[in-house]
PDB file of N, CA and C in Angstrom:
ATOM      1  N   UNK A   1       0.019  -1.176  14.874  1.00  0.00           N
ATOM      2  CA  UNK A   1       1.322  -0.545  14.810  1.00  0.00           C
ATOM      3  C   UNK A   1       1.222   0.965  14.663  1.00  0.00           C
ATOM      4  N   UNK A   2       0.202   1.409  13.928  1.00  0.00           N
ATOM      5  CA  UNK A   2      -0.012   2.846  13.744  1.00  0.00           C
ATOM      6  C   UNK A   2      -1.420   3.198  14.187  1.00  0.00           C
ATOM      7  N   UNK A   3      -1.572   4.364  14.722  1.00  0.00           N
ATOM      8  CA  UNK A   3      -2.901   4.841  15.082  1.00  0.00           C
ATOM      9  C   UNK A   3      -3.438   5.742  13.977  1.00  0.00           C
ATOM     10  N   UNK A   4      -4.705   6.049  14.038  1.00  0.00           N
ATOM     11  CA  UNK A   4      -5.318   6.924  13.037  1.00  0.00           C
ATOM     12  C   UNK A   4      -4.583   8.247  12.973  1.00  0.00           C
ATOM     13  N   UNK A   5      -4.441   8.766  11.783  1.00  0.00           N
ATOM     14  CA  UNK A   5      -3.803  10.046  11.499  1.00  0.00           C
ATOM     15  C   UNK A   5      -2.308  10.059  11.831  1.00  0.00           C
ATOM     16  N   UNK A   6      -1.722   8.887  11.932  1.00  0.00           N
ATOM     17  CA  UNK A   6      -0.275   8.810  12.158  1.00  0.00           C
ATOM     18  C   UNK A   6       0.456   8.943  10.835  1.00  0.00           C
ATOM     19  N   UNK A   7       1.708   9.223  10.924  1.00  0.00           N
ATOM     20  CA  UNK A   7       2.570   9.284   9.750  1.00  0.00           C
ATOM     21  C   UNK A   7       3.603   8.184   9.869  1.00  0.00           C
ATOM     22  N   UNK A   8       3.991   7.650   8.726  1.00  0.00           N
ATOM     23  CA  UNK A   8       4.967   6.573   8.679  1.00  0.00           C
ATOM     24  C   UNK A   8       5.984   6.894   7.604  1.00  0.00           C
ATOM     25  N   UNK A   9       7.234   6.732   7.920  1.00  0.00           N
ATOM     26  CA  UNK A   9       8.298   6.921   6.946  1.00  0.00           C
ATOM     27  C   UNK A   9       8.966   5.577   6.724  1.00  0.00           C
ATOM     28  N   UNK A  10       9.081   5.205   5.467  1.00  0.00           N
ATOM     29  CA  UNK A  10       9.778   3.976   5.100  1.00  0.00           C
ATOM     30  C   UNK A  10      10.985   4.401   4.282  1.00  0.00           C
ATOM     31  N   UNK A  11      12.156   4.105   4.796  1.00  0.00           N
ATOM     32  CA  UNK A  11      13.385   4.516   4.120  1.00  0.00           C
ATOM     33  C   UNK A  11      14.254   3.297   3.850  1.00  0.00           C
ATOM     34  N   UNK A  12      14.845   3.292   2.697  1.00  0.00           N
ATOM     35  CA  UNK A  12      15.745   2.208   2.314  1.00  0.00           C
ATOM     36  C   UNK A  12      16.437   2.618   1.026  1.00  0.00           C
ATOM     37  N   UNK A  13      17.347   1.790   0.592  1.00  0.00           N
ATOM     38  CA  UNK A  13      18.056   2.072  -0.642  1.00  0.00           C
ATOM     39  C   UNK A  13      17.156   1.914  -1.850  1.00  0.00           C
ATOM     40  N   UNK A  14      17.639   2.354  -2.997  1.00  0.00           N
ATOM     41  CA  UNK A  14      16.845   2.220  -4.217  1.00  0.00           C
ATOM     42  C   UNK A  14      16.669   0.751  -4.566  1.00  0.00           C
ATOM     43  N   UNK A  15      15.581   0.471  -5.264  1.00  0.00           N
ATOM     44  CA  UNK A  15      15.258  -0.887  -5.727  1.00  0.00           C
ATOM     45  C   UNK A  15      15.073  -1.871  -4.578  1.00  0.00           C
ATOM     46  N   UNK A  16      14.542  -1.406  -3.447  1.00  0.00           N
ATOM     47  CA  UNK A  16      14.323  -2.296  -2.301  1.00  0.00           C
ATOM     48  C   UNK A  16      12.826  -2.554  -2.071  1.00  0.00           C
ATOM     49  N   UNK A  17      12.007  -2.285  -3.098  1.00  0.00           N
ATOM     50  CA  UNK A  17      10.573  -2.603  -3.097  1.00  0.00           C
ATOM     51  C   UNK A  17       9.736  -1.766  -2.128  1.00  0.00           C
ATOM     52  N   UNK A  18      10.174  -0.540  -1.853  1.00  0.00           N
ATOM     53  CA  UNK A  18       9.402   0.342  -0.965  1.00  0.00           C
ATOM     54  C   UNK A  18       8.032   0.658  -1.549  1.00  0.00           C
ATOM     55  N   UNK A  19       7.953   0.928  -2.841  1.00  0.00           N
ATOM     56  CA  UNK A  19       6.674   1.257  -3.460  1.00  0.00           C
ATOM     57  C   UNK A  19       5.728   0.070  -3.400  1.00  0.00           C
ATOM     58  N   UNK A  20       6.230  -1.118  -3.681  1.00  0.00           N
ATOM     59  CA  UNK A  20       5.400  -2.321  -3.591  1.00  0.00           C
ATOM     60  C   UNK A  20       4.854  -2.488  -2.168  1.00  0.00           C
ATOM     61  N   UNK A  21       5.704  -2.274  -1.191  1.00  0.00           N
ATOM     62  CA  UNK A  21       5.290  -2.402   0.208  1.00  0.00           C
ATOM     63  C   UNK A  21       4.205  -1.395   0.559  1.00  0.00           C
ATOM     64  N   UNK A  22       4.382  -0.156   0.166  1.00  0.00           N
ATOM     65  CA  UNK A  22       3.414   0.876   0.535  1.00  0.00           C
ATOM     66  C   UNK A  22       2.094   0.709  -0.215  1.00  0.00           C
ATOM     67  N   UNK A  23       2.138   0.240  -1.458  1.00  0.00           N
ATOM     68  CA  UNK A  23       0.890  -0.040  -2.175  1.00  0.00           C
ATOM     69  C   UNK A  23       0.157  -1.187  -1.491  1.00  0.00           C
ATOM     70  N   UNK A  24       0.878  -2.219  -1.115  1.00  0.00           N
ATOM     71  CA  UNK A  24       0.294  -3.358  -0.404  1.00  0.00           C
ATOM     72  C   UNK A  24      -0.358  -2.887   0.900  1.00  0.00           C
ATOM     73  N   UNK A  25       0.343  -2.058   1.647  1.00  0.00           N
ATOM     74  CA  UNK A  25      -0.186  -1.536   2.907  1.00  0.00           C
ATOM     75  C   UNK A  25      -1.442  -0.692   2.659  1.00  0.00           C
ATOM     76  N   UNK A  26      -1.404   0.176   1.669  1.00  0.00           N
ATOM     77  CA  UNK A  26      -2.545   1.031   1.367  1.00  0.00           C
ATOM     78  C   UNK A  26      -3.766   0.213   0.963  1.00  0.00           C
ATOM     79  N   UNK A  27      -3.574  -0.805   0.129  1.00  0.00           N
ATOM     80  CA  UNK A  27      -4.683  -1.661  -0.280  1.00  0.00           C
ATOM     81  C   UNK A  27      -5.276  -2.403   0.925  1.00  0.00           C
ATOM     82  N   UNK A  28      -4.410  -2.920   1.763  1.00  0.00           N
ATOM     83  CA  UNK A  28      -4.879  -3.662   2.938  1.00  0.00           C
ATOM     84  C   UNK A  28      -5.721  -2.767   3.844  1.00  0.00           C
ATOM     85  N   UNK A  29      -5.261  -1.571   4.098  1.00  0.00           N
ATOM     86  CA  UNK A  29      -5.991  -0.648   4.971  1.00  0.00           C
ATOM     87  C   UNK A  29      -7.289  -0.187   4.298  1.00  0.00           C
ATOM     88  N   UNK A  30      -7.240   0.108   3.012  1.00  0.00           N
ATOM     89  CA  UNK A  30      -8.424   0.585   2.296  1.00  0.00           C
ATOM     90  C   UNK A  30      -9.527  -0.468   2.242  1.00  0.00           C
ATOM     91  N   UNK A  31      -9.144  -1.751   2.344  1.00  0.00           N
ATOM     92  CA  UNK A  31     -10.128  -2.828   2.242  1.00  0.00           C
ATOM     93  C   UNK A  31     -10.296  -3.609   3.546  1.00  0.00           C
ATOM     94  N   UNK A  32      -9.598  -3.206   4.588  1.00  0.00           N
ATOM     95  CA  UNK A  32      -9.699  -3.910   5.863  1.00  0.00           C
ATOM     96  C   UNK A  32      -9.128  -5.311   5.805  1.00  0.00           C
ATOM     97  N   UNK A  33      -8.160  -5.523   4.928  1.00  0.00           N
ATOM     98  CA  UNK A  33      -7.526  -6.839   4.772  1.00  0.00           C
ATOM     99  C   UNK A  33      -6.328  -6.953   5.720  1.00  0.00           C
ATOM    100  N   UNK A  34      -5.856  -8.164   5.894  1.00  0.00           N
ATOM    101  CA  UNK A  34      -4.691  -8.365   6.769  1.00  0.00           C
ATOM    102  C   UNK A  34      -3.423  -7.853   6.082  1.00  0.00           C
ATOM    103  N   UNK A  35      -2.525  -7.314   6.881  1.00  0.00           N
ATOM    104  CA  UNK A  35      -1.240  -6.815   6.405  1.00  0.00           C
ATOM    105  C   UNK A  35      -0.167  -7.376   7.317  1.00  0.00           C
ATOM    106  N   UNK A  36       0.754  -8.135   6.768  1.00  0.00           N
ATOM    107  CA  UNK A  36       1.818  -8.782   7.537  1.00  0.00           C
ATOM    108  C   UNK A  36       1.260  -9.531   8.745  1.00  0.00           C
ATOM    109  N   UNK A  37       0.218 -10.325   8.496  1.00  0.00           N
ATOM    110  CA  UNK A  37      -0.423 -11.163   9.518  1.00  0.00           C
ATOM    111  C   UNK A  37      -1.082 -10.357  10.632  1.00  0.00           C
ATOM    112  N   UNK A  38      -1.403  -9.110  10.359  1.00  0.00           N
ATOM    113  CA  UNK A  38      -2.079  -8.257  11.342  1.00  0.00           C
ATOM    114  C   UNK A  38      -3.382  -7.748  10.739  1.00  0.00           C
ATOM    115  N   UNK A  39      -4.405  -7.640  11.587  1.00  0.00           N
ATOM    116  CA  UNK A  39      -5.676  -7.078  11.150  1.00  0.00           C
ATOM    117  C   UNK A  39      -5.517  -5.582  10.916  1.00  0.00           C
ATOM    118  N   UNK A  40      -6.282  -5.064   9.986  1.00  0.00           N
ATOM    119  CA  UNK A  40      -6.314  -3.621   9.758  1.00  0.00           C
ATOM    120  C   UNK A  40      -7.750  -3.139   9.922  1.00  0.00           C
ATOM    121  N   UNK A  41      -7.906  -1.874  10.174  1.00  0.00           N
ATOM    122  CA  UNK A  41      -9.218  -1.251  10.239  1.00  0.00           C
ATOM    123  C   UNK A  41      -9.470  -0.570   8.910  1.00  0.00           C
ATOM    124  N   UNK A  42     -10.558  -0.940   8.259  1.00  0.00           N
ATOM    125  CA  UNK A  42     -10.879  -0.371   6.956  1.00  0.00           C
ATOM    126  C   UNK A  42     -11.113   1.128   7.094  1.00  0.00           C
ATOM    127  N   UNK A  43     -10.397   1.890   6.306  1.00  0.00           N
ATOM    128  CA  UNK A  43     -10.554   3.343   6.312  1.00  0.00           C
ATOM    129  C   UNK A  43     -10.067   3.891   4.973  1.00  0.00           C
ATOM    130  N   UNK A  44     -10.349   5.148   4.740  1.00  0.00           N
ATOM    131  CA  UNK A  44      -9.894   5.780   3.500  1.00  0.00           C
ATOM    132  C   UNK A  44      -8.392   5.966   3.535  1.00  0.00           C
ATOM    133  N   UNK A  45      -7.777   5.869   2.358  1.00  0.00           N
ATOM    134  CA  UNK A  45      -6.329   6.005   2.233  1.00  0.00           C
ATOM    135  C   UNK A  45      -6.035   6.987   1.112  1.00  0.00           C
ATOM    136  N   UNK A  46      -5.117   7.878   1.363  1.00  0.00           N
ATOM    137  CA  UNK A  46      -4.611   8.771   0.320  1.00  0.00           C
ATOM    138  C   UNK A  46      -3.198   8.328   0.009  1.00  0.00           C
ATOM    139  N   UNK A  47      -2.962   7.926  -1.229  1.00  0.00           N
ATOM    140  CA  UNK A  47      -1.630   7.485  -1.638  1.00  0.00           C
ATOM    141  C   UNK A  47      -1.128   8.487  -2.661  1.00  0.00           C
ATOM    142  N   UNK A  48      -0.036   9.138  -2.350  1.00  0.00           N
ATOM    143  CA  UNK A  48       0.562  10.122  -3.253  1.00  0.00           C
ATOM    144  C   UNK A  48       1.857   9.555  -3.780  1.00  0.00           C
ATOM    145  N   UNK A  49       1.943   9.436  -5.100  1.00  0.00           N
ATOM    146  CA  UNK A  49       3.155   8.905  -5.710  1.00  0.00           C
ATOM    147  C   UNK A  49       3.701   9.952  -6.663  1.00  0.00           C
ATOM    148  N   UNK A  50       4.881  10.419  -6.384  1.00  0.00           N
ATOM    149  CA  UNK A  50       5.487  11.464  -7.209  1.00  0.00           C
ATOM    150  C   UNK A  50       6.600  10.921  -8.101  1.00  0.00           C
ATOM    151  N   UNK A  51       6.766   9.606  -8.135  1.00  0.00           N
ATOM    152  CA  UNK A  51       7.871   9.025  -8.893  1.00  0.00           C
ATOM    153  C   UNK A  51       7.439   8.227 -10.103  1.00  0.00           C
ATOM    154  N   UNK A  52       6.422   7.376  -9.950  1.00  0.00           N
ATOM    155  CA  UNK A  52       6.028   6.483 -11.035  1.00  0.00           C
ATOM    156  C   UNK A  52       5.094   7.160 -12.027  1.00  0.00           C
ATOM    157  N   UNK A  53       5.144   6.701 -13.278  1.00  0.00           N
ATOM    158  CA  UNK A  53       4.155   7.120 -14.259  1.00  0.00           C
ATOM    159  C   UNK A  53       2.811   6.547 -13.815  1.00  0.00           C
ATOM    160  N   UNK A  54       1.743   7.223 -14.174  1.00  0.00           N
ATOM    161  CA  UNK A  54       0.408   6.769 -13.806  1.00  0.00           C
ATOM    162  C   UNK A  54       0.120   5.343 -14.247  1.00  0.00           C
ATOM    163  N   UNK A  55       0.519   4.997 -15.464  1.00  0.00           N
ATOM    164  CA  UNK A  55       0.245   3.647 -15.978  1.00  0.00           C
ATOM    165  C   UNK A  55       1.013   2.582 -15.194  1.00  0.00           C
ATOM    166  N   UNK A  56       2.228   2.876 -14.796  1.00  0.00           N
ATOM    167  CA  UNK A  56       3.026   1.927 -14.008  1.00  0.00           C
ATOM    168  C   UNK A  56       2.419   1.747 -12.624  1.00  0.00           C
ATOM    169  N   UNK A  57       1.990   2.845 -12.023  1.00  0.00           N
ATOM    170  CA  UNK A  57       1.371   2.771 -10.708  1.00  0.00           C
ATOM    171  C   UNK A  57       0.088   1.947 -10.765  1.00  0.00           C
ATOM    172  N   UNK A  58      -0.771   2.199 -11.749  1.00  0.00           N
ATOM    173  CA  UNK A  58      -2.019   1.459 -11.896  1.00  0.00           C
ATOM    174  C   UNK A  58      -1.760  -0.027 -12.099  1.00  0.00           C
ATOM    175  N   UNK A  59      -0.740  -0.364 -12.892  1.00  0.00           N
ATOM    176  CA  UNK A  59      -0.408  -1.767 -13.128  1.00  0.00           C
ATOM    177  C   UNK A  59      -0.002  -2.447 -11.829  1.00  0.00           C
ATOM    178  N   UNK A  60       0.804  -1.780 -11.023  1.00  0.00           N
ATOM    179  CA  UNK A  60       1.238  -2.359  -9.749  1.00  0.00           C
ATOM    180  C   UNK A  60       0.066  -2.537  -8.789  1.00  0.00           C
ATOM    181  N   UNK A  61      -0.815  -1.541  -8.737  1.00  0.00           N
ATOM    182  CA  UNK A  61      -1.993  -1.650  -7.871  1.00  0.00           C
ATOM    183  C   UNK A  61      -2.831  -2.839  -8.299  1.00  0.00           C
ATOM    184  N   UNK A  62      -3.055  -3.007  -9.611  1.00  0.00           N
ATOM    185  CA  UNK A  62      -3.860  -4.122 -10.091  1.00  0.00           C
ATOM    186  C   UNK A  62      -3.204  -5.457  -9.778  1.00  0.00           C
ATOM    187  N   UNK A  63      -1.905  -5.574  -9.983  1.00  0.00           N
ATOM    188  CA  UNK A  63      -1.201  -6.824  -9.685  1.00  0.00           C
ATOM    189  C   UNK A  63      -1.331  -7.203  -8.212  1.00  0.00           C
ATOM    190  N   UNK A  64      -1.118  -6.239  -7.333  1.00  0.00           N
ATOM    191  CA  UNK A  64      -1.226  -6.520  -5.900  1.00  0.00           C
ATOM    192  C   UNK A  64      -2.665  -6.807  -5.486  1.00  0.00           C
ATOM    193  N   UNK A  65      -3.608  -6.030  -6.007  1.00  0.00           N
ATOM    194  CA  UNK A  65      -5.010  -6.258  -5.652  1.00  0.00           C
ATOM    195  C   UNK A  65      -5.448  -7.648  -6.103  1.00  0.00           C
ATOM    196  N   UNK A  66      -5.074  -8.052  -7.290  1.00  0.00           N
ATOM    197  CA  UNK A  66      -5.403  -9.399  -7.761  1.00  0.00           C
ATOM    198  C   UNK A  66      -4.790 -10.470  -6.862  1.00  0.00           C
ATOM    199  N   UNK A  67      -3.542 -10.280  -6.486  1.00  0.00           N
ATOM    200  CA  UNK A  67      -2.858 -11.250  -5.620  1.00  0.00           C
ATOM    201  C   UNK A  67      -3.509 -11.329  -4.237  1.00  0.00           C
ATOM    202  N   UNK A  68      -4.084 -10.208  -3.790  1.00  0.00           N
ATOM    203  CA  UNK A  68      -4.730 -10.159  -2.474  1.00  0.00           C
ATOM    204  C   UNK A  68      -6.198 -10.564  -2.532  1.00  0.00           C
ATOM    205  N   UNK A  69      -6.724 -10.759  -3.743  1.00  0.00           N
ATOM    206  CA  UNK A  69      -8.126 -11.109  -3.887  1.00  0.00           C
ATOM    207  C   UNK A  69      -9.058  -9.934  -3.690  1.00  0.00           C
ATOM    208  N   UNK A  70      -8.573  -8.732  -3.966  1.00  0.00           N
ATOM    209  CA  UNK A  70      -9.354  -7.498  -3.812  1.00  0.00           C
ATOM    210  C   UNK A  70      -9.876  -7.071  -5.179  1.00  0.00           C
ATOM    211  N   UNK A  71     -11.129  -6.729  -5.228  1.00  0.00           N
ATOM    212  CA  UNK A  71     -11.751  -6.251  -6.488  1.00  0.00           C
ATOM    213  C   UNK A  71     -11.671  -4.748  -6.561  1.00  0.00           C
TER     214      UNK A  71
END
């Protein structure tokens, strides 16, 4: 769906799980895991979050990584 060095904008109303979606996408790409039934190419990911506290962000990453079976 996206090529290397592409940009993606995800827009929606508040409380529509955009952060969860983008963390899931970032983890999948960073580990070469499937995302929405599609293969990904493992590559480095830079995730910039300017809204969540660090502890909240880390908790969400851990929850999703555990659910995806990523260490």
